[in-house]
Amino acid sequence: MDNTQPSNSRKTKHQRKSPLDFRKYTKQIWLAGLGAFSRAEEEGNKMFDSLVKVGEELESKTVELTDQTVNKVAEKTKESVTDKKDKVEKLLDHGVSTSLNRIGLVSTKDVQHLENMILDIHQKLDVLIAENQALRAKLEKK
């Protein structure tokens, strides 16, 4: 049995380093964890900044697209309102003209037509008066 005791009393090189190795590995695991945390924090900040930048670009594009869409819709609405307004005005003009003609009143178009006819008559009269004066002058000279 003496042989067994010295072998038990003597620890192998591997067995003697185990507690030291355990502390060493524990410290390395701890340091690795700290390093991973630090790296994750750095990468997380970079990722966050990158996401903010992408978000800003997307917002800018979205605002620009929204502005363009709003402008197009406003333009189409304005055109539509103008078209409807013109149609309503024509209908009202026609209705008023018809009503005025029924009761015997003249419309603006009728007055304009009469004004044009009077101007034509004035021009023809001016020509006739000039011709008449020219004929009188010839007759008086003879």
N, C-alpha and C. Protein backbone atom coordinates (compact mmCIF):
# COMPACT_ATOMS: atom_id res chain seq x y z
N MET A 1 0.77 -1.18 0.00
CA MET A 1 0.00 0.00 0.00
C MET A 1 0.82 1.26 0.00
N ASP A 2 1.99 1.10 0.30
CA ASP A 2 2.86 2.25 0.30
C ASP A 2 2.97 2.86 -1.09
N ASN A 3 2.88 2.02 -2.06
CA ASN A 3 2.98 2.51 -3.42
C ASN A 3 1.78 3.37 -3.80
N THR A 4 0.65 3.06 -3.22
CA THR A 4 -0.54 3.83 -3.56
C THR A 4 -0.55 5.19 -2.89
N GLN A 5 -0.01 5.24 -1.66
CA GLN A 5 -0.02 6.52 -0.97
C GLN A 5 0.86 7.55 -1.65
N PRO A 6 2.10 7.18 -2.00
CA PRO A 6 2.89 8.20 -2.66
C PRO A 6 2.25 8.64 -3.98
N SER A 7 1.61 7.72 -4.67
CA SER A 7 0.99 8.16 -5.91
C SER A 7 -0.18 9.10 -5.60
N ASN A 8 -0.90 8.87 -4.51
CA ASN A 8 -1.98 9.77 -4.12
C ASN A 8 -1.43 11.08 -3.60
N SER A 9 -0.33 11.00 -2.86
CA SER A 9 0.24 12.20 -2.30
C SER A 9 0.89 13.04 -3.40
N ARG A 10 1.34 12.38 -4.41
CA ARG A 10 1.90 13.12 -5.53
C ARG A 10 0.79 13.42 -6.54
N LYS A 11 0.67 14.65 -6.83
CA LYS A 11 -0.34 15.04 -7.81
C LYS A 11 0.35 15.23 -9.14
N THR A 12 -0.36 14.89 -10.14
CA THR A 12 0.20 15.04 -11.46
C THR A 12 0.26 16.52 -11.80
N LYS A 13 1.02 16.80 -12.78
CA LYS A 13 1.19 18.18 -13.22
C LYS A 13 -0.16 18.78 -13.65
N HIS A 14 -0.96 17.98 -14.31
CA HIS A 14 -2.27 18.42 -14.79
C HIS A 14 -3.20 18.72 -13.62
N GLN A 15 -3.15 17.87 -12.59
CA GLN A 15 -4.03 18.05 -11.45
C GLN A 15 -3.62 19.28 -10.64
N ARG A 16 -2.36 19.61 -10.53
CA ARG A 16 -1.92 20.76 -9.76
C ARG A 16 -2.29 22.06 -10.44
N LYS A 17 -2.37 22.13 -11.75
CA LYS A 17 -2.67 23.36 -12.47
C LYS A 17 -4.17 23.59 -12.64
N SER A 18 -4.97 22.63 -12.32
CA SER A 18 -6.40 22.76 -12.52
C SER A 18 -7.01 23.97 -11.83
N PRO A 19 -6.78 24.22 -10.55
CA PRO A 19 -7.38 25.40 -9.94
C PRO A 19 -6.88 26.69 -10.58
N LEU A 20 -5.61 26.74 -10.95
CA LEU A 20 -5.08 27.93 -11.60
C LEU A 20 -5.68 28.09 -12.99
N ASP A 21 -5.76 26.97 -13.71
CA ASP A 21 -6.35 27.00 -15.04
C ASP A 21 -7.81 27.44 -14.97
N PHE A 22 -8.53 26.96 -13.98
CA PHE A 22 -9.94 27.33 -13.83
C PHE A 22 -10.07 28.84 -13.63
N ARG A 23 -9.22 29.41 -12.80
CA ARG A 23 -9.24 30.86 -12.58
C ARG A 23 -8.89 31.60 -13.87
N LYS A 24 -7.87 31.07 -14.55
CA LYS A 24 -7.44 31.68 -15.81
C LYS A 24 -8.58 31.66 -16.83
N TYR A 25 -9.22 30.49 -17.01
CA TYR A 25 -10.32 30.37 -17.97
C TYR A 25 -11.52 31.20 -17.55
N THR A 26 -11.75 31.25 -16.25
CA THR A 26 -12.86 32.07 -15.76
C THR A 26 -12.61 33.53 -16.09
N LYS A 27 -11.37 33.97 -15.87
CA LYS A 27 -11.02 35.35 -16.18
C LYS A 27 -11.12 35.60 -17.69
N GLN A 28 -10.67 34.66 -18.49
CA GLN A 28 -10.75 34.80 -19.94
C GLN A 28 -12.20 34.87 -20.41
N ILE A 29 -13.04 34.04 -19.81
CA ILE A 29 -14.47 34.07 -20.17
C ILE A 29 -15.06 35.42 -19.80
N TRP A 30 -14.70 35.90 -18.62
CA TRP A 30 -15.19 37.22 -18.17
C TRP A 30 -14.73 38.31 -19.14
N LEU A 31 -13.44 38.30 -19.50
CA LEU A 31 -12.91 39.30 -20.43
C LEU A 31 -13.55 39.18 -21.81
N ALA A 32 -13.78 37.95 -22.25
CA ALA A 32 -14.45 37.74 -23.54
C ALA A 32 -15.86 38.33 -23.49
N GLY A 33 -16.53 38.12 -22.38
CA GLY A 33 -17.87 38.68 -22.22
C GLY A 33 -17.85 40.20 -22.26
N LEU A 34 -16.88 40.80 -21.56
CA LEU A 34 -16.74 42.26 -21.59
C LEU A 34 -16.44 42.75 -23.00
N GLY A 35 -15.55 42.03 -23.67
CA GLY A 35 -15.22 42.40 -25.05
C GLY A 35 -16.44 42.31 -25.96
N ALA A 36 -17.20 41.24 -25.78
CA ALA A 36 -18.42 41.06 -26.60
C ALA A 36 -19.41 42.18 -26.30
N PHE A 37 -19.55 42.54 -25.04
CA PHE A 37 -20.46 43.62 -24.66
C PHE A 37 -20.01 44.94 -25.28
N SER A 38 -18.70 45.19 -25.19
CA SER A 38 -18.16 46.43 -25.76
C SER A 38 -18.36 46.47 -27.26
N ARG A 39 -18.06 45.36 -27.93
CA ARG A 39 -18.23 45.29 -29.39
C ARG A 39 -19.70 45.46 -29.76
N ALA A 40 -20.59 44.81 -29.01
CA ALA A 40 -22.02 44.93 -29.29
C ALA A 40 -22.47 46.38 -29.10
N GLU A 41 -21.93 47.04 -28.09
CA GLU A 41 -22.30 48.43 -27.85
C GLU A 41 -21.83 49.31 -29.01
N GLU A 42 -20.56 49.11 -29.45
CA GLU A 42 -20.02 49.87 -30.58
C GLU A 42 -20.83 49.60 -31.85
N GLU A 43 -21.02 48.32 -32.14
CA GLU A 43 -21.77 47.94 -33.34
C GLU A 43 -23.22 48.40 -33.24
N GLY A 44 -23.75 48.34 -32.03
CA GLY A 44 -25.13 48.78 -31.82
C GLY A 44 -25.26 50.27 -32.11
N ASN A 45 -24.30 51.06 -31.65
CA ASN A 45 -24.33 52.50 -31.93
C ASN A 45 -24.18 52.77 -33.42
N LYS A 46 -23.26 52.02 -34.05
CA LYS A 46 -23.09 52.17 -35.51
C LYS A 46 -24.38 51.78 -36.22
N MET A 47 -24.97 50.67 -35.79
CA MET A 47 -26.21 50.20 -36.41
C MET A 47 -27.31 51.24 -36.19
N PHE A 48 -27.40 51.77 -34.99
CA PHE A 48 -28.42 52.77 -34.68
C PHE A 48 -28.23 54.00 -35.56
N ASP A 49 -26.99 54.49 -35.64
CA ASP A 49 -26.71 55.65 -36.49
C ASP A 49 -27.05 55.36 -37.94
N SER A 50 -26.72 54.16 -38.40
CA SER A 50 -27.02 53.76 -39.77
C SER A 50 -28.53 53.73 -40.00
N LEU A 51 -29.27 53.20 -39.04
CA LEU A 51 -30.74 53.15 -39.17
C LEU A 51 -31.34 54.55 -39.16
N VAL A 52 -30.80 55.44 -38.34
CA VAL A 52 -31.28 56.83 -38.33
C VAL A 52 -31.06 57.48 -39.69
N LYS A 53 -29.86 57.25 -40.27
CA LYS A 53 -29.56 57.83 -41.58
C LYS A 53 -30.51 57.29 -42.65
N VAL A 54 -30.74 55.99 -42.65
CA VAL A 54 -31.68 55.38 -43.61
C VAL A 54 -33.09 55.95 -43.40
N GLY A 55 -33.47 56.10 -42.13
CA GLY A 55 -34.79 56.67 -41.82
C GLY A 55 -34.93 58.09 -42.32
N GLU A 56 -33.87 58.89 -42.15
CA GLU A 56 -33.91 60.27 -42.64
C GLU A 56 -34.05 60.32 -44.16
N GLU A 57 -33.30 59.45 -44.86
CA GLU A 57 -33.40 59.40 -46.32
C GLU A 57 -34.80 58.99 -46.76
N LEU A 58 -35.34 57.99 -46.08
CA LEU A 58 -36.68 57.52 -46.42
C LEU A 58 -37.71 58.61 -46.16
N GLU A 59 -37.57 59.30 -45.04
CA GLU A 59 -38.51 60.39 -44.72
C GLU A 59 -38.43 61.48 -45.77
N SER A 60 -37.20 61.82 -46.18
CA SER A 60 -37.02 62.86 -47.20
C SER A 60 -37.71 62.46 -48.50
N LYS A 61 -37.50 61.20 -48.92
CA LYS A 61 -38.13 60.72 -50.15
C LYS A 61 -39.65 60.71 -50.00
N THR A 62 -40.12 60.28 -48.83
CA THR A 62 -41.55 60.20 -48.59
C THR A 62 -42.19 61.58 -48.61
N VAL A 63 -41.53 62.55 -47.96
CA VAL A 63 -42.05 63.92 -47.94
C VAL A 63 -42.08 64.48 -49.35
N GLU A 64 -41.02 64.24 -50.12
CA GLU A 64 -40.96 64.73 -51.49
C GLU A 64 -42.06 64.10 -52.34
N LEU A 65 -42.23 62.80 -52.20
CA LEU A 65 -43.27 62.09 -52.95
C LEU A 65 -44.65 62.57 -52.54
N THR A 66 -44.83 62.78 -51.24
CA THR A 66 -46.12 63.26 -50.74
C THR A 66 -46.42 64.65 -51.28
N ASP A 67 -45.41 65.53 -51.28
CA ASP A 67 -45.60 66.88 -51.81
C ASP A 67 -45.99 66.84 -53.29
N GLN A 68 -45.31 65.98 -54.05
CA GLN A 68 -45.63 65.86 -55.48
C GLN A 68 -47.06 65.36 -55.67
N THR A 69 -47.44 64.37 -54.88
CA THR A 69 -48.79 63.81 -54.99
C THR A 69 -49.83 64.85 -54.61
N VAL A 70 -49.59 65.57 -53.54
CA VAL A 70 -50.54 66.62 -53.10
C VAL A 70 -50.66 67.68 -54.19
N ASN A 71 -49.53 68.08 -54.79
CA ASN A 71 -49.57 69.09 -55.85
C ASN A 71 -50.36 68.59 -57.05
N LYS A 72 -50.15 67.32 -57.43
CA LYS A 72 -50.90 66.76 -58.56
C LYS A 72 -52.39 66.73 -58.27
N VAL A 73 -52.74 66.28 -57.07
CA VAL A 73 -54.15 66.20 -56.70
C VAL A 73 -54.76 67.60 -56.66
N ALA A 74 -54.04 68.56 -56.11
CA ALA A 74 -54.54 69.94 -56.04
C ALA A 74 -54.74 70.50 -57.45
N GLU A 75 -53.80 70.20 -58.35
CA GLU A 75 -53.89 70.69 -59.72
C GLU A 75 -55.11 70.09 -60.43
N LYS A 76 -55.29 68.77 -60.28
CA LYS A 76 -56.43 68.11 -60.91
C LYS A 76 -57.75 68.62 -60.32
N THR A 77 -57.77 68.83 -59.02
CA THR A 77 -58.97 69.34 -58.37
C THR A 77 -59.30 70.74 -58.88
N LYS A 78 -58.27 71.56 -59.00
CA LYS A 78 -58.47 72.93 -59.50
C LYS A 78 -59.03 72.91 -60.92
N GLU A 79 -58.45 72.03 -61.76
CA GLU A 79 -58.94 71.91 -63.14
C GLU A 79 -60.39 71.44 -63.15
N SER A 80 -60.70 70.47 -62.32
CA SER A 80 -62.06 69.95 -62.26
C SER A 80 -63.04 71.02 -61.80
N VAL A 81 -62.66 71.77 -60.78
CA VAL A 81 -63.52 72.84 -60.27
C VAL A 81 -63.72 73.91 -61.33
N THR A 82 -62.64 74.25 -62.04
CA THR A 82 -62.75 75.26 -63.10
C THR A 82 -63.67 74.77 -64.21
N ASP A 83 -63.53 73.51 -64.61
CA ASP A 83 -64.41 72.95 -65.64
C ASP A 83 -65.87 72.98 -65.19
N LYS A 84 -66.12 72.55 -63.96
CA LYS A 84 -67.49 72.55 -63.44
C LYS A 84 -68.04 73.97 -63.37
N LYS A 85 -67.20 74.91 -62.93
CA LYS A 85 -67.63 76.31 -62.84
C LYS A 85 -68.02 76.83 -64.22
N ASP A 86 -67.19 76.54 -65.23
CA ASP A 86 -67.48 76.98 -66.59
C ASP A 86 -68.80 76.39 -67.09
N LYS A 87 -69.01 75.10 -66.81
CA LYS A 87 -70.26 74.46 -67.23
C LYS A 87 -71.46 75.09 -66.55
N VAL A 88 -71.34 75.35 -65.25
CA VAL A 88 -72.45 75.97 -64.51
C VAL A 88 -72.72 77.37 -65.05
N GLU A 89 -71.65 78.14 -65.32
CA GLU A 89 -71.83 79.49 -65.87
C GLU A 89 -72.55 79.44 -67.22
N LYS A 90 -72.16 78.50 -68.08
CA LYS A 90 -72.82 78.38 -69.39
C LYS A 90 -74.29 78.02 -69.23
N LEU A 91 -74.55 77.08 -68.33
CA LEU A 91 -75.95 76.70 -68.08
C LEU A 91 -76.76 77.89 -67.55
N LEU A 92 -76.16 78.64 -66.62
CA LEU A 92 -76.86 79.81 -66.08
C LEU A 92 -77.08 80.86 -67.16
N ASP A 93 -76.04 81.13 -67.97
CA ASP A 93 -76.18 82.10 -69.06
C ASP A 93 -77.30 81.69 -70.02
N HIS A 94 -77.30 80.42 -70.38
CA HIS A 94 -78.32 79.93 -71.29
C HIS A 94 -79.72 80.07 -70.66
N GLY A 95 -79.80 79.66 -69.37
CA GLY A 95 -81.10 79.76 -68.68
C GLY A 95 -81.59 81.19 -68.57
N VAL A 96 -80.69 82.09 -68.22
CA VAL A 96 -81.06 83.51 -68.10
C VAL A 96 -81.46 84.07 -69.46
N SER A 97 -80.68 83.76 -70.49
CA SER A 97 -81.01 84.25 -71.84
C SER A 97 -82.37 83.75 -72.29
N THR A 98 -82.60 82.46 -72.06
CA THR A 98 -83.89 81.89 -72.44
C THR A 98 -85.03 82.58 -71.69
N SER A 99 -84.83 82.78 -70.40
CA SER A 99 -85.87 83.43 -69.59
C SER A 99 -86.11 84.87 -70.05
N LEU A 100 -85.03 85.60 -70.34
CA LEU A 100 -85.17 86.99 -70.80
C LEU A 100 -85.88 87.05 -72.15
N ASN A 101 -85.56 86.12 -73.04
CA ASN A 101 -86.22 86.09 -74.35
C ASN A 101 -87.70 85.78 -74.21
N ARG A 102 -88.07 84.91 -73.25
CA ARG A 102 -89.47 84.57 -73.05
C ARG A 102 -90.29 85.78 -72.62
N ILE A 103 -89.68 86.63 -71.80
CA ILE A 103 -90.45 87.80 -71.33
C ILE A 103 -90.25 89.01 -72.23
N GLY A 104 -89.46 88.84 -73.28
CA GLY A 104 -89.34 89.89 -74.28
C GLY A 104 -88.15 90.82 -74.06
N LEU A 105 -87.27 90.52 -73.16
CA LEU A 105 -86.08 91.36 -72.95
C LEU A 105 -84.94 90.84 -73.82
N VAL A 106 -84.08 91.76 -74.22
CA VAL A 106 -82.96 91.37 -75.08
C VAL A 106 -81.77 90.93 -74.23
N SER A 107 -80.95 90.10 -74.84
CA SER A 107 -79.76 89.61 -74.14
C SER A 107 -78.55 90.46 -74.54
N THR A 108 -77.45 90.21 -73.89
CA THR A 108 -76.20 90.91 -74.21
C THR A 108 -75.78 90.63 -75.64
N LYS A 109 -75.97 89.40 -76.07
CA LYS A 109 -75.62 89.04 -77.45
C LYS A 109 -76.47 89.83 -78.44
N ASP A 110 -77.75 89.98 -78.10
CA ASP A 110 -78.63 90.75 -78.99
C ASP A 110 -78.16 92.20 -79.09
N VAL A 111 -77.78 92.77 -77.96
CA VAL A 111 -77.32 94.17 -77.94
C VAL A 111 -76.02 94.29 -78.73
N GLN A 112 -75.13 93.35 -78.57
CA GLN A 112 -73.86 93.39 -79.33
C GLN A 112 -74.12 93.26 -80.82
N HIS A 113 -75.04 92.41 -81.19
CA HIS A 113 -75.39 92.26 -82.61
C HIS A 113 -75.95 93.57 -83.16
N LEU A 114 -76.81 94.20 -82.38
CA LEU A 114 -77.38 95.49 -82.81
C LEU A 114 -76.29 96.56 -82.92
N GLU A 115 -75.36 96.59 -81.97
CA GLU A 115 -74.26 97.56 -82.02
C GLU A 115 -73.43 97.36 -83.29
N ASN A 116 -73.15 96.09 -83.63
CA ASN A 116 -72.38 95.81 -84.85
C ASN A 116 -73.14 96.28 -86.09
N MET A 117 -74.43 96.05 -86.10
CA MET A 117 -75.25 96.49 -87.25
C MET A 117 -75.25 98.01 -87.36
N ILE A 118 -75.35 98.70 -86.23
CA ILE A 118 -75.35 100.17 -86.24
C ILE A 118 -74.00 100.70 -86.75
N LEU A 119 -72.89 100.06 -86.31
CA LEU A 119 -71.56 100.47 -86.79
C LEU A 119 -71.44 100.28 -88.29
N ASP A 120 -71.96 99.17 -88.80
CA ASP A 120 -71.94 98.95 -90.25
C ASP A 120 -72.75 100.02 -90.98
N ILE A 121 -73.91 100.35 -90.44
CA ILE A 121 -74.77 101.38 -91.07
C ILE A 121 -74.05 102.73 -91.06
N HIS A 122 -73.37 103.06 -89.94
CA HIS A 122 -72.62 104.32 -89.85
C HIS A 122 -71.53 104.38 -90.92
N GLN A 123 -70.81 103.27 -91.08
CA GLN A 123 -69.75 103.24 -92.09
C GLN A 123 -70.33 103.43 -93.49
N LYS A 124 -71.42 102.78 -93.76
CA LYS A 124 -72.04 102.91 -95.09
C LYS A 124 -72.59 104.31 -95.29
N LEU A 125 -73.13 104.88 -94.23
CA LEU A 125 -73.63 106.26 -94.34
C LEU A 125 -72.49 107.23 -94.58
N ASP A 126 -71.37 107.02 -93.89
CA ASP A 126 -70.22 107.89 -94.09
C ASP A 126 -69.74 107.83 -95.54
N VAL A 127 -69.74 106.62 -96.11
CA VAL A 127 -69.35 106.45 -97.51
C VAL A 127 -70.35 107.17 -98.41
N LEU A 128 -71.64 107.00 -98.15
CA LEU A 128 -72.68 107.65 -98.96
C LEU A 128 -72.61 109.18 -98.84
N ILE A 129 -72.38 109.67 -97.64
CA ILE A 129 -72.28 111.13 -97.45
C ILE A 129 -71.08 111.67 -98.22
N ALA A 130 -69.96 110.95 -98.15
CA ALA A 130 -68.76 111.40 -98.89
C ALA A 130 -69.04 111.38 -100.39
N GLU A 131 -69.70 110.35 -100.90
CA GLU A 131 -70.03 110.27 -102.33
C GLU A 131 -71.01 111.39 -102.71
N ASN A 132 -71.98 111.64 -101.85
CA ASN A 132 -72.97 112.69 -102.09
C ASN A 132 -72.28 114.06 -102.15
N GLN A 133 -71.38 114.31 -101.25
CA GLN A 133 -70.68 115.60 -101.26
C GLN A 133 -69.82 115.73 -102.52
N ALA A 134 -69.22 114.64 -102.93
CA ALA A 134 -68.39 114.67 -104.14
C ALA A 134 -69.27 114.96 -105.36
N LEU A 135 -70.44 114.37 -105.44
CA LEU A 135 -71.35 114.63 -106.56
C LEU A 135 -71.85 116.06 -106.55
N ARG A 136 -72.18 116.59 -105.40
CA ARG A 136 -72.62 117.98 -105.30
C ARG A 136 -71.52 118.94 -105.77
N ALA A 137 -70.31 118.60 -105.34
CA ALA A 137 -69.20 119.47 -105.73
C ALA A 137 -69.03 119.45 -107.25
N LYS A 138 -69.19 118.32 -107.89
CA LYS A 138 -69.09 118.22 -109.34
C LYS A 138 -70.22 118.99 -110.01
N LEU A 139 -71.42 118.88 -109.46
CA LEU A 139 -72.58 119.56 -110.04
C LEU A 139 -72.44 121.07 -109.89
N GLU A 140 -71.93 121.51 -108.81
CA GLU A 140 -71.79 122.97 -108.60
C GLU A 140 -70.71 123.54 -109.52
N LYS A 141 -69.74 122.79 -109.88
CA LYS A 141 -68.66 123.25 -110.76
C LYS A 141 -69.17 123.34 -112.20
N LYS A 142 -70.14 122.64 -112.57
CA LYS A 142 -70.61 122.63 -113.95
C LYS A 142 -71.50 123.75 -114.14
